Amino acid sequence: MGKLETEEVIDEIENIRMSLGSHLEELRRRVVYSIIAIVLCFIVCWFFKVQILDMAKNPHKFAMTKAGLSTELQVLSYQEGFYAYMKLCFITSVFFAYPIIIYQIWQFVSVGLYK
């Protein structure tokens, strides 16, 4: 009887086992979900870019005021302000999408752990 049960377990494992293509397809799907989450968070952050920049500048303002210096930020080229907003919104969107990214990683890994 022990041999029959072992063969059944092996058959079950063979039925659950995924091919390399299936793994890559699942990975692609999880990466796409993560990118969609980042893009959606980026769009939301873009609408609040001024408020986010003000929050990010607060430590700078505090330190410069305490030192008695100007609290103005300098923009040395015409595109630098735009890039600053883009970088700030991207970093903030990754921060807010992080739980979704971790969830997608866990969903990809947990299939192999529990089945």
N, C-alpha and C. Protein backbone atom coordinates (compact mmCIF):
# COMPACT_ATOMS: atom_id res chain seq x y z
N MET A 1 0.79 -1.19 0.00
CA MET A 1 0.00 0.00 0.00
C MET A 1 0.84 1.26 0.00
N GLY A 2 2.00 1.25 0.64
CA GLY A 2 2.86 2.41 0.70
C GLY A 2 3.35 2.81 -0.68
N LYS A 3 3.61 1.80 -1.52
CA LYS A 3 4.10 2.09 -2.87
C LYS A 3 3.02 2.74 -3.71
N LEU A 4 1.78 2.32 -3.55
CA LEU A 4 0.66 2.88 -4.30
C LEU A 4 0.44 4.34 -3.92
N GLU A 5 0.53 4.65 -2.63
CA GLU A 5 0.36 6.03 -2.18
C GLU A 5 1.48 6.91 -2.71
N THR A 6 2.70 6.40 -2.76
CA THR A 6 3.83 7.16 -3.28
C THR A 6 3.63 7.47 -4.75
N GLU A 7 3.14 6.49 -5.51
CA GLU A 7 2.88 6.72 -6.93
C GLU A 7 1.79 7.76 -7.13
N GLU A 8 0.77 7.76 -6.26
CA GLU A 8 -0.29 8.76 -6.37
C GLU A 8 0.25 10.16 -6.09
N VAL A 9 1.13 10.27 -5.10
CA VAL A 9 1.73 11.57 -4.78
C VAL A 9 2.58 12.05 -5.96
N ILE A 10 3.34 11.15 -6.55
CA ILE A 10 4.17 11.51 -7.70
C ILE A 10 3.30 11.96 -8.87
N ASP A 11 2.19 11.26 -9.11
CA ASP A 11 1.27 11.65 -10.18
C ASP A 11 0.67 13.03 -9.91
N GLU A 12 0.34 13.29 -8.64
CA GLU A 12 -0.20 14.61 -8.27
C GLU A 12 0.82 15.71 -8.55
N ILE A 13 2.06 15.46 -8.19
CA ILE A 13 3.12 16.44 -8.40
C ILE A 13 3.31 16.69 -9.89
N GLU A 14 3.28 15.63 -10.68
CA GLU A 14 3.44 15.78 -12.13
C GLU A 14 2.29 16.59 -12.73
N ASN A 15 1.07 16.43 -12.21
CA ASN A 15 -0.07 17.17 -12.73
C ASN A 15 0.01 18.65 -12.37
N ILE A 16 0.58 18.96 -11.21
CA ILE A 16 0.68 20.35 -10.76
C ILE A 16 1.86 21.06 -11.42
N ARG A 17 2.89 20.34 -11.76
CA ARG A 17 4.12 20.91 -12.29
C ARG A 17 3.83 21.75 -13.54
N MET A 18 4.44 22.94 -13.60
CA MET A 18 4.25 23.85 -14.73
C MET A 18 5.47 23.80 -15.64
N SER A 19 5.25 24.06 -16.91
CA SER A 19 6.36 24.12 -17.85
C SER A 19 7.07 25.46 -17.72
N LEU A 20 8.22 25.57 -18.36
CA LEU A 20 8.98 26.82 -18.31
C LEU A 20 8.17 27.96 -18.93
N GLY A 21 7.49 27.67 -20.01
CA GLY A 21 6.66 28.69 -20.65
C GLY A 21 5.55 29.18 -19.74
N SER A 22 4.95 28.27 -18.99
CA SER A 22 3.89 28.66 -18.06
C SER A 22 4.45 29.54 -16.94
N HIS A 23 5.64 29.20 -16.47
CA HIS A 23 6.28 30.02 -15.43
C HIS A 23 6.57 31.42 -15.96
N LEU A 24 7.11 31.49 -17.16
CA LEU A 24 7.42 32.80 -17.74
C LEU A 24 6.16 33.62 -17.99
N GLU A 25 5.09 32.95 -18.41
CA GLU A 25 3.82 33.64 -18.63
C GLU A 25 3.27 34.19 -17.31
N GLU A 26 3.36 33.39 -16.25
CA GLU A 26 2.90 33.83 -14.93
C GLU A 26 3.75 35.00 -14.43
N LEU A 27 5.07 34.91 -14.62
CA LEU A 27 5.96 35.98 -14.21
C LEU A 27 5.65 37.27 -14.98
N ARG A 28 5.41 37.14 -16.28
CA ARG A 28 5.07 38.30 -17.09
C ARG A 28 3.79 38.95 -16.61
N ARG A 29 2.81 38.14 -16.28
CA ARG A 29 1.53 38.66 -15.79
C ARG A 29 1.72 39.41 -14.48
N ARG A 30 2.52 38.88 -13.57
CA ARG A 30 2.75 39.53 -12.28
C ARG A 30 3.55 40.83 -12.46
N VAL A 31 4.50 40.84 -13.37
CA VAL A 31 5.26 42.06 -13.63
C VAL A 31 4.36 43.13 -14.25
N VAL A 32 3.48 42.73 -15.15
CA VAL A 32 2.55 43.69 -15.77
C VAL A 32 1.63 44.28 -14.71
N TYR A 33 1.11 43.46 -13.80
CA TYR A 33 0.26 43.98 -12.72
C TYR A 33 1.03 44.98 -11.86
N SER A 34 2.28 44.69 -11.58
CA SER A 34 3.09 45.60 -10.77
C SER A 34 3.33 46.92 -11.49
N ILE A 35 3.62 46.85 -12.78
CA ILE A 35 3.84 48.07 -13.56
C ILE A 35 2.57 48.89 -13.66
N ILE A 36 1.43 48.22 -13.83
CA ILE A 36 0.15 48.94 -13.86
C ILE A 36 -0.08 49.66 -12.54
N ALA A 37 0.23 49.01 -11.43
CA ALA A 37 0.06 49.64 -10.12
C ALA A 37 0.96 50.87 -9.99
N ILE A 38 2.19 50.76 -10.46
CA ILE A 38 3.11 51.91 -10.39
C ILE A 38 2.61 53.05 -11.27
N VAL A 39 2.14 52.73 -12.46
CA VAL A 39 1.65 53.78 -13.37
C VAL A 39 0.42 54.48 -12.78
N LEU A 40 -0.50 53.71 -12.22
CA LEU A 40 -1.68 54.32 -11.61
C LEU A 40 -1.31 55.21 -10.43
N CYS A 41 -0.39 54.74 -9.61
CA CYS A 41 0.07 55.56 -8.49
C CYS A 41 0.81 56.81 -8.99
N PHE A 42 1.54 56.67 -10.09
CA PHE A 42 2.24 57.82 -10.66
C PHE A 42 1.25 58.89 -11.12
N ILE A 43 0.17 58.46 -11.76
CA ILE A 43 -0.84 59.41 -12.23
C ILE A 43 -1.46 60.15 -11.05
N VAL A 44 -1.77 59.43 -9.99
CA VAL A 44 -2.33 60.08 -8.80
C VAL A 44 -1.30 61.03 -8.19
N CYS A 45 -0.05 60.61 -8.11
CA CYS A 45 1.00 61.46 -7.54
C CYS A 45 1.22 62.71 -8.39
N TRP A 46 1.05 62.59 -9.69
CA TRP A 46 1.26 63.74 -10.57
C TRP A 46 0.27 64.86 -10.26
N PHE A 47 -0.96 64.49 -9.89
CA PHE A 47 -1.95 65.51 -9.54
C PHE A 47 -1.60 66.22 -8.22
N PHE A 48 -0.85 65.56 -7.38
CA PHE A 48 -0.47 66.12 -6.08
C PHE A 48 1.02 66.45 -6.01
N LYS A 49 1.64 66.70 -7.16
CA LYS A 49 3.09 66.89 -7.20
C LYS A 49 3.56 68.10 -6.38
N VAL A 50 2.80 69.17 -6.39
CA VAL A 50 3.22 70.37 -5.64
C VAL A 50 3.18 70.09 -4.14
N GLN A 51 2.12 69.43 -3.69
CA GLN A 51 2.01 69.12 -2.26
C GLN A 51 3.09 68.13 -1.83
N ILE A 52 3.39 67.16 -2.69
CA ILE A 52 4.43 66.18 -2.37
C ILE A 52 5.79 66.87 -2.31
N LEU A 53 6.05 67.78 -3.25
CA LEU A 53 7.32 68.51 -3.23
C LEU A 53 7.43 69.39 -1.99
N ASP A 54 6.33 70.00 -1.59
CA ASP A 54 6.36 70.81 -0.36
C ASP A 54 6.69 69.95 0.86
N MET A 55 6.12 68.75 0.92
CA MET A 55 6.44 67.85 2.04
C MET A 55 7.90 67.41 1.99
N ALA A 56 8.41 67.19 0.77
CA ALA A 56 9.81 66.76 0.64
C ALA A 56 10.77 67.90 0.96
N LYS A 57 10.34 69.14 0.76
CA LYS A 57 11.21 70.30 1.03
C LYS A 57 11.20 70.72 2.49
N ASN A 58 10.28 70.24 3.29
CA ASN A 58 10.19 70.67 4.69
C ASN A 58 11.48 70.49 5.48
N PRO A 59 12.17 69.34 5.41
CA PRO A 59 13.45 69.23 6.16
C PRO A 59 14.49 70.24 5.67
N HIS A 60 14.51 70.49 4.35
CA HIS A 60 15.44 71.47 3.79
C HIS A 60 15.12 72.87 4.32
N LYS A 61 13.85 73.23 4.31
CA LYS A 61 13.44 74.55 4.82
C LYS A 61 13.80 74.70 6.30
N PHE A 62 13.55 73.66 7.07
CA PHE A 62 13.85 73.72 8.50
C PHE A 62 15.35 73.93 8.74
N ALA A 63 16.17 73.15 8.04
CA ALA A 63 17.62 73.23 8.24
C ALA A 63 18.17 74.57 7.76
N MET A 64 17.70 75.04 6.62
CA MET A 64 18.22 76.30 6.08
C MET A 64 17.76 77.50 6.92
N THR A 65 16.54 77.44 7.43
CA THR A 65 16.05 78.51 8.29
C THR A 65 16.86 78.55 9.59
N LYS A 66 17.15 77.38 10.12
CA LYS A 66 17.92 77.29 11.36
C LYS A 66 19.34 77.82 11.16
N ALA A 67 19.88 77.61 9.95
CA ALA A 67 21.23 78.09 9.65
C ALA A 67 21.24 79.55 9.21
N GLY A 68 20.05 80.12 9.00
CA GLY A 68 19.97 81.51 8.58
C GLY A 68 20.23 81.72 7.11
N LEU A 69 20.02 80.70 6.30
CA LEU A 69 20.26 80.79 4.85
C LEU A 69 18.93 80.81 4.10
N SER A 70 19.02 81.06 2.81
CA SER A 70 17.83 81.10 1.96
C SER A 70 17.24 79.70 1.79
N THR A 71 15.92 79.61 1.81
CA THR A 71 15.25 78.31 1.68
C THR A 71 14.83 78.01 0.24
N GLU A 72 15.17 78.89 -0.69
CA GLU A 72 14.80 78.70 -2.10
C GLU A 72 15.62 77.57 -2.72
N LEU A 73 14.97 76.76 -3.54
CA LEU A 73 15.68 75.75 -4.32
C LEU A 73 16.03 76.34 -5.68
N GLN A 74 17.19 76.02 -6.19
CA GLN A 74 17.63 76.58 -7.47
C GLN A 74 17.42 75.57 -8.58
N VAL A 75 16.97 76.08 -9.72
CA VAL A 75 16.83 75.28 -10.93
C VAL A 75 17.87 75.81 -11.91
N LEU A 76 18.83 74.99 -12.28
CA LEU A 76 19.95 75.45 -13.09
C LEU A 76 19.72 75.31 -14.59
N SER A 77 18.76 74.50 -15.00
CA SER A 77 18.43 74.39 -16.42
C SER A 77 16.91 74.34 -16.56
N TYR A 78 16.43 74.61 -17.74
CA TYR A 78 14.99 74.74 -17.93
C TYR A 78 14.23 73.43 -17.74
N GLN A 79 14.84 72.30 -17.96
CA GLN A 79 14.14 71.02 -17.79
C GLN A 79 14.30 70.43 -16.39
N GLU A 80 15.12 71.02 -15.58
CA GLU A 80 15.41 70.44 -14.26
C GLU A 80 14.19 70.41 -13.35
N GLY A 81 13.35 71.43 -13.40
CA GLY A 81 12.14 71.44 -12.59
C GLY A 81 11.20 70.32 -12.97
N PHE A 82 11.03 70.11 -14.28
CA PHE A 82 10.18 69.02 -14.76
C PHE A 82 10.73 67.66 -14.33
N TYR A 83 12.03 67.47 -14.49
CA TYR A 83 12.64 66.20 -14.09
C TYR A 83 12.55 65.98 -12.58
N ALA A 84 12.63 67.04 -11.83
CA ALA A 84 12.50 66.91 -10.37
C ALA A 84 11.10 66.40 -10.02
N TYR A 85 10.08 66.96 -10.67
CA TYR A 85 8.72 66.48 -10.44
C TYR A 85 8.56 65.03 -10.88
N MET A 86 9.15 64.69 -12.04
CA MET A 86 9.04 63.31 -12.55
C MET A 86 9.69 62.32 -11.58
N LYS A 87 10.90 62.63 -11.13
CA LYS A 87 11.59 61.73 -10.20
C LYS A 87 10.85 61.59 -8.88
N LEU A 88 10.38 62.72 -8.38
CA LEU A 88 9.66 62.70 -7.11
C LEU A 88 8.37 61.89 -7.23
N CYS A 89 7.64 62.08 -8.31
CA CYS A 89 6.39 61.32 -8.50
C CYS A 89 6.68 59.83 -8.71
N PHE A 90 7.76 59.51 -9.42
CA PHE A 90 8.09 58.10 -9.63
C PHE A 90 8.47 57.42 -8.32
N ILE A 91 9.32 58.06 -7.54
CA ILE A 91 9.73 57.47 -6.26
C ILE A 91 8.54 57.32 -5.33
N THR A 92 7.68 58.33 -5.30
CA THR A 92 6.49 58.26 -4.46
C THR A 92 5.54 57.18 -4.94
N SER A 93 5.40 57.03 -6.26
CA SER A 93 4.50 56.00 -6.78
C SER A 93 5.02 54.60 -6.48
N VAL A 94 6.32 54.40 -6.55
CA VAL A 94 6.88 53.09 -6.18
C VAL A 94 6.66 52.83 -4.70
N PHE A 95 6.79 53.87 -3.88
CA PHE A 95 6.55 53.73 -2.44
C PHE A 95 5.10 53.31 -2.17
N PHE A 96 4.15 53.96 -2.83
CA PHE A 96 2.74 53.63 -2.60
C PHE A 96 2.33 52.31 -3.25
N ALA A 97 2.99 51.92 -4.35
CA ALA A 97 2.66 50.66 -5.02
C ALA A 97 3.41 49.48 -4.42
N TYR A 98 4.30 49.72 -3.49
CA TYR A 98 5.13 48.66 -2.90
C TYR A 98 4.30 47.51 -2.32
N PRO A 99 3.22 47.76 -1.58
CA PRO A 99 2.43 46.62 -1.09
C PRO A 99 1.87 45.75 -2.22
N ILE A 100 1.46 46.38 -3.31
CA ILE A 100 0.94 45.62 -4.45
C ILE A 100 2.06 44.82 -5.10
N ILE A 101 3.24 45.42 -5.22
CA ILE A 101 4.38 44.73 -5.81
C ILE A 101 4.76 43.52 -4.96
N ILE A 102 4.82 43.69 -3.66
CA ILE A 102 5.14 42.57 -2.76
C ILE A 102 4.07 41.49 -2.87
N TYR A 103 2.81 41.88 -2.96
CA TYR A 103 1.72 40.91 -3.11
C TYR A 103 1.89 40.12 -4.41
N GLN A 104 2.25 40.78 -5.49
CA GLN A 104 2.43 40.09 -6.77
C GLN A 104 3.62 39.13 -6.70
N ILE A 105 4.69 39.54 -6.04
CA ILE A 105 5.83 38.64 -5.87
C ILE A 105 5.41 37.42 -5.06
N TRP A 106 4.65 37.65 -3.99
CA TRP A 106 4.20 36.55 -3.16
C TRP A 106 3.28 35.61 -3.94
N GLN A 107 2.41 36.14 -4.76
CA GLN A 107 1.51 35.30 -5.55
C GLN A 107 2.29 34.44 -6.53
N PHE A 108 3.38 34.96 -7.07
CA PHE A 108 4.20 34.17 -7.99
C PHE A 108 4.95 33.07 -7.25
N VAL A 109 5.48 33.38 -6.08
CA VAL A 109 6.29 32.42 -5.33
C VAL A 109 5.43 31.40 -4.61
N SER A 110 4.28 31.81 -4.09
CA SER A 110 3.47 30.93 -3.25
C SER A 110 2.91 29.73 -4.00
N VAL A 111 2.72 29.86 -5.31
CA VAL A 111 2.22 28.72 -6.08
C VAL A 111 3.19 27.55 -5.98
N GLY A 112 4.48 27.83 -6.05
CA GLY A 112 5.48 26.78 -5.95
C GLY A 112 5.68 26.27 -4.53
N LEU A 113 5.38 27.09 -3.56
CA LEU A 113 5.58 26.68 -2.17
C LEU A 113 4.48 25.78 -1.65
N TYR A 114 3.25 26.05 -2.04
CA TYR A 114 2.12 25.37 -1.43
C TYR A 114 1.47 24.32 -2.31
N LYS A 115 1.86 24.18 -3.54
CA LYS A 115 1.25 23.16 -4.40
C LYS A 115 2.28 22.18 -4.88
